Protein backbone atom coordinates (compact mmCIF):
# COMPACT_ATOMS: atom_id res chain seq x y z
CA LEU A 1 200.56 74.97 82.69
CA GLU A 2 201.61 75.81 86.53
CA GLN A 3 200.49 79.49 85.54
CA ILE A 4 196.83 78.82 84.43
CA PRO A 5 195.05 78.91 87.66
CA ALA A 6 196.92 82.14 88.59
CA LEU A 7 196.28 83.77 85.14
CA THR A 8 192.62 82.37 85.49
CA ARG A 9 192.32 84.36 88.88
CA GLU A 10 193.57 87.54 87.36
CA VAL A 11 191.25 87.40 84.57
CA ASP A 12 188.23 86.88 86.88
CA ARG A 13 189.59 89.81 88.91
CA LEU A 14 189.94 92.01 85.84
CA ARG A 15 186.65 91.26 84.65
CA THR A 16 184.93 91.99 88.16
CA THR A 17 186.91 95.18 87.96
CA GLU A 18 185.54 96.05 84.48
CA GLU A 19 181.94 95.29 85.42
CA GLN A 20 182.35 97.57 88.37
CA LEU A 21 183.95 100.29 86.41
CA SER A 22 180.94 100.13 83.97
CA LEU A 23 178.40 100.20 86.80
CA HIS A 24 180.25 103.38 88.35
CA LYS A 25 180.35 105.00 84.82
CA ARG A 26 176.63 104.41 84.34
CA GLN A 27 175.91 105.92 88.02
CA LEU A 28 178.08 108.97 87.10
CA ASP A 29 176.13 109.49 83.86
CA GLU A 30 172.92 109.35 85.84
CA LEU A 31 174.20 111.83 88.33
CA ARG A 32 175.16 114.20 85.57
CA ASP A 33 171.80 113.91 84.01
CA GLU A 34 170.07 114.66 87.42
CA TYR A 35 172.60 117.51 87.93
CA GLY A 36 171.58 118.98 84.61
CA ASP A 37 168.01 118.67 85.22
CA LEU A 38 168.27 120.18 88.79
CA GLN A 39 170.23 123.31 87.06
CA ASN A 40 167.39 123.70 84.59
CA GLN A 41 164.95 123.90 87.59
CA GLY A 42 167.20 126.41 89.44
CA THR A 43 168.09 123.77 92.27
CA ASN A 44 171.35 122.62 93.57
CA CYS A 45 172.24 118.84 93.28
CA ARG A 46 172.08 116.89 96.50
CA PHE A 47 175.84 116.55 96.56
CA CYS A 48 176.87 120.17 96.00
CA ALA A 49 174.35 122.31 97.80
CA GLU A 50 177.18 124.21 99.61
CA ILE A 51 179.91 123.73 96.82
CA PRO A 52 180.12 126.59 94.21
CA LEU A 53 181.45 124.38 91.63
CA CYS A 54 179.70 120.98 91.23
CA LEU A 55 182.53 118.37 90.90
CA ILE A 56 179.92 116.06 89.39
CA ASN A 57 179.52 118.10 86.17
CA THR A 58 183.20 117.99 85.78
CA SER A 59 184.80 115.55 82.86
CA LEU A 60 186.85 112.63 84.05
């Protein structure tokens, strides 16, 4: 029973981390879509104007 508060905090921390990860994955998907659209237009994405190989378009 003494471990319940610590375990509850850990569950909350993990839940927050999972939510942040989900948000970052959505943002990455949006950036990949934007990059693909810009490539189709013959334009560099905003993050890699000077980088020959865009790192956003690589799989994690």
